[in-house]
Structures are given as C-alpha cells and as structure tokens.
Amino acid sequence: MSQDTWLQNYDATCRLAQEIAENIHERNRQQRTGGNPAKMNMTLRASLQKLKQNIAQLKESLLRASSSRRIMPSEADRRHNLIDDLLTREKQLNGTFKGDSTEQGPSRSTLMAGGAGMSEGDTANPWLINETDETRGLTFGEIKQEQQRIIEAQDAGLDALAAVISRQKIMGQDIGNELDEQNEIIDDLAHLVDKTDGRIRNETRRVKLVETKSASCGMLVVIVLLLVAIIVVAVWPV
C-alpha cells in the first residue's frame, strides 16, 4: 500500500525538522569559529516558520480525516501522537535557536551537545535536549534509518490491516447476496402458499355447496316416495 498524502507530508515535515537541527548545529559551529551566522539565522527563522505552518496543516488535515471517519480511531490516535512529537521538536528547536542565537562561545551549545571536550568533527545530537535512550549516541543517518524502519513496519501493519478489512468486505458482500437470494426464495414460497390457500378455500366452498344440494335432493326423494305410498294405499282395492 502506498503512503497517503498525510503520511507523505508528515515525512516531509520530519525531514524539515532534521534539516533545521543540522542548520542550528552549523550556525553554532560558525559562531564558535568566529564566522558570521547572520545569513544562517535568516534561513533558520524562515524554516522554523515553515515548520510551524506544516505542523498546523497536518493537525487540520488529521482533524478533517478523523471527523469524516476516513481513518480508524486507532490510526487517528497514532497520528495525533506523531503530531505531538513534532510539536515537541518544534518547541525544542525554537528554544535552541533563540537561546544560542546571541552566544559567541561554545559553552551552552557544546555542553548540551555532549560536553565541552567534544571536537568539531564529532556529530552532535540535532535536538540538543531531552534525548531518549533509543537515539542517544546515534548519528543523523542512523536516526533517519531507524525512523524509516519504524515507518516501514507501520506501513506493513497497515497493509495487513487493509487486507483483513478487504476480506471482511468481500465476506459481507457474499453474505448480503446470499440473504437476498434467501429472501427471494421466501417471497416465492409465501406467494405459493397464498395461492394454495386460496384454492383450498374455493374447493371447501364447493364441497359444502355439493353437500347442501345432496341433502336437499335426498329430502325431496323421501317426500316423493311418501306421496306415492299414500296414493297407492288410497287407490288400492280393499
């Protein structure tokens, strides 16, 4: 399954945050070596503003997708957590940028990057503060690879979930078709029962009519026989 637009925008925002961290580190290096970081500061301010806008767009897009139920609640929660992580990174980057922008020495940035004894050739932590145990000691490339591995694992999980949902959808459609066929059979049986019941009622009325006529004819025969007997007795010579 290919990534959707939201995940692609999230990846782009993560890359922007990492780029800002690297630029802050480069800006600090220029300050320590006596360079002029003015141009870098302008670039960082624009990038930080862009990062803020991207995070706001991610939040708005996630809210629309969650409200319209285009994504499952569990996936919405996961993406909310990703946005919270980005907001934390943005806050850290802004604090680091503003806190180090006027410093000319290595004291604060160097200490937070891992100690005053770190050489310029060493790779510093891009977030500078609140580093987790999972990323401590990793380079930018290693952190990026770990993030990519996590995203790939999440994509694999989404693929498996999508396959399950697809199978359930097909099963639901098959069950619906079967129910439609059963309902048609039941309707045919009900129609047949109605027709049969009507025929039975008609035949019952005919039988009752025949019985009534038969009873009337039998009584008439009895009366005729009695009359004949009376006439025979009357005219029979004594």
C-alpha atoms as a PDB file:
ATOM      1  CA  MET A   1       0.000   0.000   0.000  1.00  0.00           C
ATOM      2  CA  SER A   2       1.456   3.372  -0.927  1.00  0.00           C
ATOM      3  CA  GLN A   3       1.598   6.088   1.709  1.00  0.00           C
ATOM      4  CA  ASP A   4      -1.308   8.507   1.778  1.00  0.00           C
ATOM      5  CA  THR A   5      -0.855  12.255   1.433  1.00  0.00           C
ATOM      6  CA  TRP A   6      -0.888  12.881   5.183  1.00  0.00           C
ATOM      7  CA  LEU A   7       1.985  10.458   5.831  1.00  0.00           C
ATOM      8  CA  GLN A   8       3.959  11.920   2.951  1.00  0.00           C
ATOM      9  CA  ASN A   9       3.504  15.430   4.386  1.00  0.00           C
ATOM     10  CA  TYR A  10       4.471  14.129   7.817  1.00  0.00           C
ATOM     11  CA  ASP A  11       7.691  12.630   6.421  1.00  0.00           C
ATOM     12  CA  ALA A  12       8.487  15.919   4.683  1.00  0.00           C
ATOM     13  CA  THR A  13       7.918  17.820   7.940  1.00  0.00           C
ATOM     14  CA  CYS A  14      10.225  15.431   9.816  1.00  0.00           C
ATOM     15  CA  ARG A  15      12.909  15.995   7.196  1.00  0.00           C
ATOM     16  CA  LEU A  16      12.454  19.764   7.548  1.00  0.00           C
ATOM     17  CA  ALA A  17      12.846  19.500  11.340  1.00  0.00           C
ATOM     18  CA  GLN A  18      16.013  17.454  10.911  1.00  0.00           C
ATOM     19  CA  GLU A  19      17.360  19.973   8.392  1.00  0.00           C
ATOM     20  CA  ILE A  20      16.671  22.811  10.865  1.00  0.00           C
ATOM     21  CA  ALA A  21      18.527  20.928  13.609  1.00  0.00           C
ATOM     22  CA  GLU A  22      21.516  20.432  11.342  1.00  0.00           C
ATOM     23  CA  ASN A  23      21.477  24.104  10.348  1.00  0.00           C
ATOM     24  CA  ILE A  24      21.342  25.170  14.002  1.00  0.00           C
ATOM     25  CA  HIS A  25      24.355  22.975  14.666  1.00  0.00           C
ATOM     26  CA  GLU A  26      26.159  24.522  11.677  1.00  0.00           C
ATOM     27  CA  ARG A  27      25.196  28.027  12.840  1.00  0.00           C
ATOM     28  CA  ASN A  28      26.650  27.296  16.266  1.00  0.00           C
ATOM     29  CA  ARG A  29      29.812  25.947  14.675  1.00  0.00           C
ATOM     30  CA  GLN A  30      30.195  29.176  12.709  1.00  0.00           C
ATOM     31  CA  GLN A  31      29.773  31.161  15.920  1.00  0.00           C
ATOM     32  CA  ARG A  32      32.469  29.131  17.663  1.00  0.00           C
ATOM     33  CA  THR A  33      34.885  29.627  14.771  1.00  0.00           C
ATOM     34  CA  GLY A  34      34.285  33.371  14.579  1.00  0.00           C
ATOM     35  CA  GLY A  35      32.169  33.302  11.436  1.00  0.00           C
ATOM     36  CA  ASN A  36      29.138  35.460  10.629  1.00  0.00           C
ATOM     37  CA  PRO A  37      25.936  33.392  11.046  1.00  0.00           C
ATOM     38  CA  ALA A  38      23.549  36.214  10.049  1.00  0.00           C
ATOM     39  CA  LYS A  39      22.515  34.582   6.772  1.00  0.00           C
ATOM     40  CA  MET A  40      22.077  31.223   8.511  1.00  0.00           C
ATOM     41  CA  ASN A  41      19.867  32.880  11.146  1.00  0.00           C
ATOM     42  CA  MET A  42      17.593  34.308   8.441  1.00  0.00           C
ATOM     43  CA  THR A  43      17.298  30.880   6.837  1.00  0.00           C
ATOM     44  CA  LEU A  44      16.560  29.276  10.196  1.00  0.00           C
ATOM     45  CA  ARG A  45      13.805  31.781  11.005  1.00  0.00           C
ATOM     46  CA  ALA A  46      12.101  31.078   7.669  1.00  0.00           C
ATOM     47  CA  SER A  47      12.487  27.317   8.133  1.00  0.00           C
ATOM     48  CA  LEU A  48      11.080  27.444  11.672  1.00  0.00           C
ATOM     49  CA  GLN A  49       8.067  29.399  10.390  1.00  0.00           C
ATOM     50  CA  LYS A  50       7.591  26.824   7.623  1.00  0.00           C
ATOM     51  CA  LEU A  51       7.841  24.020  10.188  1.00  0.00           C
ATOM     52  CA  LYS A  52       5.122  25.660  12.282  1.00  0.00           C
ATOM     53  CA  GLN A  53       2.855  26.008   9.235  1.00  0.00           C
ATOM     54  CA  ASN A  54       3.425  22.381   8.184  1.00  0.00           C
ATOM     55  CA  ILE A  55       2.518  21.105  11.653  1.00  0.00           C
ATOM     56  CA  ALA A  56      -0.648  23.243  11.651  1.00  0.00           C
ATOM     57  CA  GLN A  57      -1.610  21.827   8.249  1.00  0.00           C
ATOM     58  CA  LEU A  58      -1.022  18.280   9.493  1.00  0.00           C
ATOM     59  CA  LYS A  59      -3.278  18.934  12.500  1.00  0.00           C
ATOM     60  CA  GLU A  60      -6.029  20.426  10.314  1.00  0.00           C
ATOM     61  CA  SER A  61      -5.827  17.584   7.782  1.00  0.00           C
ATOM     62  CA  LEU A  62      -5.927  14.971  10.551  1.00  0.00           C
ATOM     63  CA  LEU A  63      -8.946  16.653  12.136  1.00  0.00           C
ATOM     64  CA  ARG A  64     -10.847  16.537   8.831  1.00  0.00           C
ATOM     65  CA  ALA A  65      -9.926  12.902   8.204  1.00  0.00           C
ATOM     66  CA  SER A  66     -10.895  11.902  11.750  1.00  0.00           C
ATOM     67  CA  SER A  67     -14.198  13.828  11.652  1.00  0.00           C
ATOM     68  CA  SER A  68     -15.192  12.266   8.319  1.00  0.00           C
ATOM     69  CA  ARG A  69     -14.112   8.795   9.556  1.00  0.00           C
ATOM     70  CA  ARG A  70     -11.742   8.325   6.610  1.00  0.00           C
ATOM     71  CA  ILE A  71      -9.281   6.746   9.055  1.00  0.00           C
ATOM     72  CA  MET A  72      -9.839   4.442  12.016  1.00  0.00           C
ATOM     73  CA  PRO A  73      -9.756   5.842  15.578  1.00  0.00           C
ATOM     74  CA  SER A  74      -6.604   3.884  16.398  1.00  0.00           C
ATOM     75  CA  GLU A  75      -4.791   5.364  13.382  1.00  0.00           C
ATOM     76  CA  ALA A  76      -6.063   8.838  14.295  1.00  0.00           C
ATOM     77  CA  ASP A  77      -4.634   8.425  17.812  1.00  0.00           C
ATOM     78  CA  ARG A  78      -1.307   7.278  16.380  1.00  0.00           C
ATOM     79  CA  ARG A  79      -1.125  10.312  14.113  1.00  0.00           C
ATOM     80  CA  HIS A  80      -2.054  12.631  16.991  1.00  0.00           C
ATOM     81  CA  ASN A  81       0.938  11.223  18.863  1.00  0.00           C
ATOM     82  CA  LEU A  82       3.154  11.867  15.846  1.00  0.00           C
ATOM     83  CA  ILE A  83       1.976  15.486  15.748  1.00  0.00           C
ATOM     84  CA  ASP A  84       2.621  15.863  19.488  1.00  0.00           C
ATOM     85  CA  ASP A  85       6.163  14.637  18.887  1.00  0.00           C
ATOM     86  CA  LEU A  86       6.593  17.184  16.086  1.00  0.00           C
ATOM     87  CA  LEU A  87       5.281  19.965  18.338  1.00  0.00           C
ATOM     88  CA  THR A  88       7.824  18.965  20.987  1.00  0.00           C
ATOM     89  CA  ARG A  89      10.587  19.048  18.393  1.00  0.00           C
ATOM     90  CA  GLU A  90       9.447  22.445  17.138  1.00  0.00           C
ATOM     91  CA  LYS A  91       9.463  23.831  20.681  1.00  0.00           C
ATOM     92  CA  GLN A  92      12.927  22.441  21.310  1.00  0.00           C
ATOM     93  CA  LEU A  93      14.268  23.797  18.030  1.00  0.00           C
ATOM     94  CA  ASN A  94      12.817  27.263  18.678  1.00  0.00           C
ATOM     95  CA  GLY A  95      14.254  27.285  22.183  1.00  0.00           C
ATOM     96  CA  THR A  96      17.651  26.152  20.944  1.00  0.00           C
ATOM     97  CA  PHE A  97      17.667  28.699  18.110  1.00  0.00           C
ATOM     98  CA  LYS A  98      16.688  31.621  20.330  1.00  0.00           C
ATOM     99  CA  GLY A  99      18.873  30.550  23.218  1.00  0.00           C
ATOM    100  CA  ASP A 100      22.012  30.172  21.104  1.00  0.00           C
ATOM    101  CA  SER A 101      21.438  32.947  18.544  1.00  0.00           C
ATOM    102  CA  THR A 102      23.326  35.586  20.555  1.00  0.00           C
ATOM    103  CA  GLU A 103      26.053  33.392  22.016  1.00  0.00           C
ATOM    104  CA  GLN A 104      29.562  33.770  20.712  1.00  0.00           C
ATOM    105  CA  GLY A 105      31.152  30.971  22.743  1.00  0.00           C
ATOM    106  CA  PRO A 106      30.756  27.210  22.863  1.00  0.00           C
ATOM    107  CA  SER A 107      29.659  26.970  26.491  1.00  0.00           C
ATOM    108  CA  ARG A 108      25.893  26.253  26.330  1.00  0.00           C
ATOM    109  CA  SER A 109      25.529  24.560  22.962  1.00  0.00           C
ATOM    110  CA  THR A 110      28.671  22.473  23.405  1.00  0.00           C
ATOM    111  CA  LEU A 111      27.720  21.303  26.874  1.00  0.00           C
ATOM    112  CA  MET A 112      24.195  20.332  25.776  1.00  0.00           C
ATOM    113  CA  ALA A 113      25.591  18.609  22.704  1.00  0.00           C
ATOM    114  CA  GLY A 114      27.653  16.273  24.822  1.00  0.00           C
ATOM    115  CA  GLY A 115      30.326  18.134  26.783  1.00  0.00           C
ATOM    116  CA  ALA A 116      32.939  20.854  26.361  1.00  0.00           C
ATOM    117  CA  GLY A 117      35.522  18.332  25.311  1.00  0.00           C
ATOM    118  CA  MET A 118      33.708  17.387  22.086  1.00  0.00           C
ATOM    119  CA  SER A 119      35.692  18.197  18.980  1.00  0.00           C
ATOM    120  CA  GLU A 120      34.236  19.996  15.970  1.00  0.00           C
ATOM    121  CA  GLY A 121      34.422  16.825  13.919  1.00  0.00           C
ATOM    122  CA  ASP A 122      32.089  14.926  16.256  1.00  0.00           C
ATOM    123  CA  THR A 123      28.418  14.555  15.302  1.00  0.00           C
ATOM    124  CA  ALA A 124      26.117  16.370  17.769  1.00  0.00           C
ATOM    125  CA  ASN A 125      22.603  15.473  18.691  1.00  0.00           C
ATOM    126  CA  PRO A 126      20.264  17.532  16.418  1.00  0.00           C
ATOM    127  CA  TRP A 127      17.645  18.078  19.122  1.00  0.00           C
ATOM    128  CA  LEU A 128      20.240  19.029  21.754  1.00  0.00           C
ATOM    129  CA  ILE A 129      17.927  18.426  24.733  1.00  0.00           C
ATOM    130  CA  ASN A 130      15.599  15.707  26.051  1.00  0.00           C
ATOM    131  CA  GLU A 131      17.255  12.963  24.021  1.00  0.00           C
ATOM    132  CA  THR A 132      15.783   9.489  24.514  1.00  0.00           C
ATOM    133  CA  ASP A 133      17.747   6.357  25.310  1.00  0.00           C
ATOM    134  CA  GLU A 134      16.804   4.898  21.908  1.00  0.00           C
ATOM    135  CA  THR A 135      18.545   7.688  19.963  1.00  0.00           C
ATOM    136  CA  ARG A 136      21.373   8.601  22.319  1.00  0.00           C
ATOM    137  CA  GLY A 137      24.673   8.115  20.549  1.00  0.00           C
ATOM    138  CA  LEU A 138      23.140   7.732  17.071  1.00  0.00           C
ATOM    139  CA  THR A 139      24.139   9.883  14.123  1.00  0.00           C
ATOM    140  CA  PHE A 140      21.672  11.751  11.894  1.00  0.00           C
ATOM    141  CA  GLY A 141      21.812   8.992   9.318  1.00  0.00           C
ATOM    142  CA  GLU A 142      21.211   6.263  11.893  1.00  0.00           C
ATOM    143  CA  ILE A 143      18.267   8.159  13.392  1.00  0.00           C
ATOM    144  CA  LYS A 144      16.811   8.616   9.921  1.00  0.00           C
ATOM    145  CA  GLN A 145      17.242   4.898   9.157  1.00  0.00           C
ATOM    146  CA  GLU A 146      15.530   3.986  12.437  1.00  0.00           C
ATOM    147  CA  GLN A 147      12.625   6.311  11.640  1.00  0.00           C
ATOM    148  CA  GLN A 148      12.351   4.797   8.171  1.00  0.00           C
ATOM    149  CA  ARG A 149      12.358   1.303   9.665  1.00  0.00           C
ATOM    150  CA  ILE A 150       9.540   2.258  12.046  1.00  0.00           C
ATOM    151  CA  ILE A 151       7.533   3.807   9.204  1.00  0.00           C
ATOM    152  CA  GLU A 152       8.023   0.691   7.065  1.00  0.00           C
ATOM    153  CA  ALA A 153       6.867  -1.511   9.961  1.00  0.00           C
ATOM    154  CA  GLN A 154       3.794   0.697  10.387  1.00  0.00           C
ATOM    155  CA  ASP A 155       3.106   0.513   6.647  1.00  0.00           C
ATOM    156  CA  ALA A 156       3.370  -3.284   6.782  1.00  0.00           C
ATOM    157  CA  GLY A 157       0.879  -3.321   9.644  1.00  0.00           C
ATOM    158  CA  LEU A 158      -1.469  -1.060   7.688  1.00  0.00           C
ATOM    159  CA  ASP A 159      -1.142  -3.338   4.649  1.00  0.00           C
ATOM    160  CA  ALA A 160      -2.083  -6.373   6.748  1.00  0.00           C
ATOM    161  CA  LEU A 161      -4.995  -4.494   8.296  1.00  0.00           C
ATOM    162  CA  ALA A 162      -6.188  -3.360   4.872  1.00  0.00           C
ATOM    163  CA  ALA A 163      -6.057  -6.950   3.622  1.00  0.00           C
ATOM    164  CA  VAL A 164      -8.163  -8.125   6.585  1.00  0.00           C
ATOM    165  CA  ILE A 165     -10.686  -5.337   6.025  1.00  0.00           C
ATOM    166  CA  SER A 166     -10.839  -6.187   2.314  1.00  0.00           C
ATOM    167  CA  ARG A 167     -11.555  -9.852   3.088  1.00  0.00           C
ATOM    168  CA  GLN A 168     -14.230  -8.870   5.598  1.00  0.00           C
ATOM    169  CA  LYS A 169     -15.809  -6.588   2.999  1.00  0.00           C
ATOM    170  CA  ILE A 170     -15.932  -9.433   0.464  1.00  0.00           C
ATOM    171  CA  MET A 171     -17.426 -11.766   3.088  1.00  0.00           C
ATOM    172  CA  GLY A 172     -20.025  -9.152   3.949  1.00  0.00           C
ATOM    173  CA  GLN A 173     -20.958  -8.747   0.289  1.00  0.00           C
ATOM    174  CA  ASP A 174     -21.261 -12.540  -0.120  1.00  0.00           C
ATOM    175  CA  ILE A 175     -23.471 -12.765   2.967  1.00  0.00           C
ATOM    176  CA  GLY A 176     -25.615  -9.908   1.654  1.00  0.00           C
ATOM    177  CA  ASN A 177     -26.028 -11.639  -1.719  1.00  0.00           C
ATOM    178  CA  GLU A 178     -26.947 -14.898  -0.006  1.00  0.00           C
ATOM    179  CA  LEU A 179     -29.545 -13.115   2.137  1.00  0.00           C
ATOM    180  CA  ASP A 180     -31.027 -11.508  -0.971  1.00  0.00           C
ATOM    181  CA  GLU A 181     -31.370 -14.936  -2.618  1.00  0.00           C
ATOM    182  CA  GLN A 182     -32.935 -16.437   0.519  1.00  0.00           C
ATOM    183  CA  ASN A 183     -35.392 -13.545   0.725  1.00  0.00           C
ATOM    184  CA  GLU A 184     -36.418 -14.140  -2.892  1.00  0.00           C
ATOM    185  CA  ILE A 185     -36.999 -17.846  -2.137  1.00  0.00           C
ATOM    186  CA  ILE A 186     -39.066 -16.945   0.932  1.00  0.00           C
ATOM    187  CA  ASP A 187     -41.126 -14.477  -1.130  1.00  0.00           C
ATOM    188  CA  ASP A 188     -41.795 -17.187  -3.754  1.00  0.00           C
ATOM    189  CA  LEU A 189     -42.849 -19.659  -1.055  1.00  0.00           C
ATOM    190  CA  ALA A 190     -45.162 -17.095   0.542  1.00  0.00           C
ATOM    191  CA  HIS A 191     -46.768 -16.392  -2.838  1.00  0.00           C
ATOM    192  CA  LEU A 192     -47.200 -20.139  -3.458  1.00  0.00           C
ATOM    193  CA  VAL A 193     -48.731 -20.631  -0.013  1.00  0.00           C
ATOM    194  CA  ASP A 194     -51.176 -17.774  -0.642  1.00  0.00           C
ATOM    195  CA  LYS A 195     -52.248 -19.314  -3.963  1.00  0.00           C
ATOM    196  CA  THR A 196     -52.617 -22.775  -2.414  1.00  0.00           C
ATOM    197  CA  ASP A 197     -54.624 -21.375   0.498  1.00  0.00           C
ATOM    198  CA  GLY A 198     -56.986 -19.626  -1.938  1.00  0.00           C
ATOM    199  CA  ARG A 199     -57.527 -22.831  -3.897  1.00  0.00           C
ATOM    200  CA  ILE A 200     -58.250 -24.778  -0.694  1.00  0.00           C
ATOM    201  CA  ARG A 201     -60.844 -22.200   0.355  1.00  0.00           C
ATOM    202  CA  ASN A 202     -62.520 -22.394  -3.088  1.00  0.00           C
ATOM    203  CA  GLU A 203     -62.634 -26.190  -3.012  1.00  0.00           C
ATOM    204  CA  THR A 204     -64.029 -26.134   0.531  1.00  0.00           C
ATOM    205  CA  ARG A 205     -66.877 -23.849  -0.561  1.00  0.00           C
ATOM    206  CA  ARG A 206     -67.642 -26.171  -3.493  1.00  0.00           C
ATOM    207  CA  VAL A 207     -67.732 -29.223  -1.238  1.00  0.00           C
ATOM    208  CA  LYS A 208     -70.131 -27.501   1.148  1.00  0.00           C
ATOM    209  CA  LEU A 209     -72.354 -26.481  -1.771  1.00  0.00           C
ATOM    210  CA  VAL A 210     -72.433 -30.068  -3.054  1.00  0.00           C
ATOM    211  CA  GLU A 211     -73.266 -31.368   0.407  1.00  0.00           C
ATOM    212  CA  THR A 212     -76.094 -28.855   0.713  1.00  0.00           C
ATOM    213  CA  LYS A 213     -77.515 -29.824  -2.693  1.00  0.00           C
ATOM    214  CA  SER A 214     -77.184 -33.524  -1.881  1.00  0.00           C
ATOM    215  CA  ALA A 215     -79.099 -33.083   1.351  1.00  0.00           C
ATOM    216  CA  SER A 216     -81.879 -31.174  -0.413  1.00  0.00           C
ATOM    217  CA  CYS A 217     -82.198 -33.821  -3.125  1.00  0.00           C
ATOM    218  CA  GLY A 218     -82.419 -36.648  -0.554  1.00  0.00           C
ATOM    219  CA  MET A 219     -85.249 -34.970   1.315  1.00  0.00           C
ATOM    220  CA  LEU A 220     -87.151 -34.411  -1.927  1.00  0.00           C
ATOM    221  CA  VAL A 221     -86.839 -38.119  -2.807  1.00  0.00           C
ATOM    222  CA  VAL A 222     -88.207 -39.119   0.593  1.00  0.00           C
ATOM    223  CA  ILE A 223     -91.220 -36.811   0.193  1.00  0.00           C
ATOM    224  CA  VAL A 224     -91.966 -38.156  -3.305  1.00  0.00           C
ATOM    225  CA  LEU A 225     -91.836 -41.758  -2.055  1.00  0.00           C
ATOM    226  CA  LEU A 226     -94.203 -40.939   0.793  1.00  0.00           C
ATOM    227  CA  LEU A 227     -96.672 -39.341  -1.615  1.00  0.00           C
ATOM    228  CA  VAL A 228     -96.504 -42.354  -3.915  1.00  0.00           C
ATOM    229  CA  ALA A 229     -97.129 -44.677  -0.987  1.00  0.00           C
ATOM    230  CA  ILE A 230    -100.157 -42.636   0.136  1.00  0.00           C
ATOM    231  CA  ILE A 231    -101.606 -42.649  -3.397  1.00  0.00           C
ATOM    232  CA  VAL A 232    -101.064 -46.393  -3.753  1.00  0.00           C
ATOM    233  CA  VAL A 233    -102.787 -47.057  -0.439  1.00  0.00           C
ATOM    234  CA  ALA A 234    -105.668 -44.778  -1.350  1.00  0.00           C
ATOM    235  CA  VAL A 235    -106.402 -46.378  -4.682  1.00  0.00           C
ATOM    236  CA  TRP A 236    -105.584 -49.960  -3.755  1.00  0.00           C
ATOM    237  CA  PRO A 237    -108.800 -52.007  -3.541  1.00  0.00           C
ATOM    238  CA  VAL A 238    -109.635 -53.358  -0.092  1.00  0.00           C
END
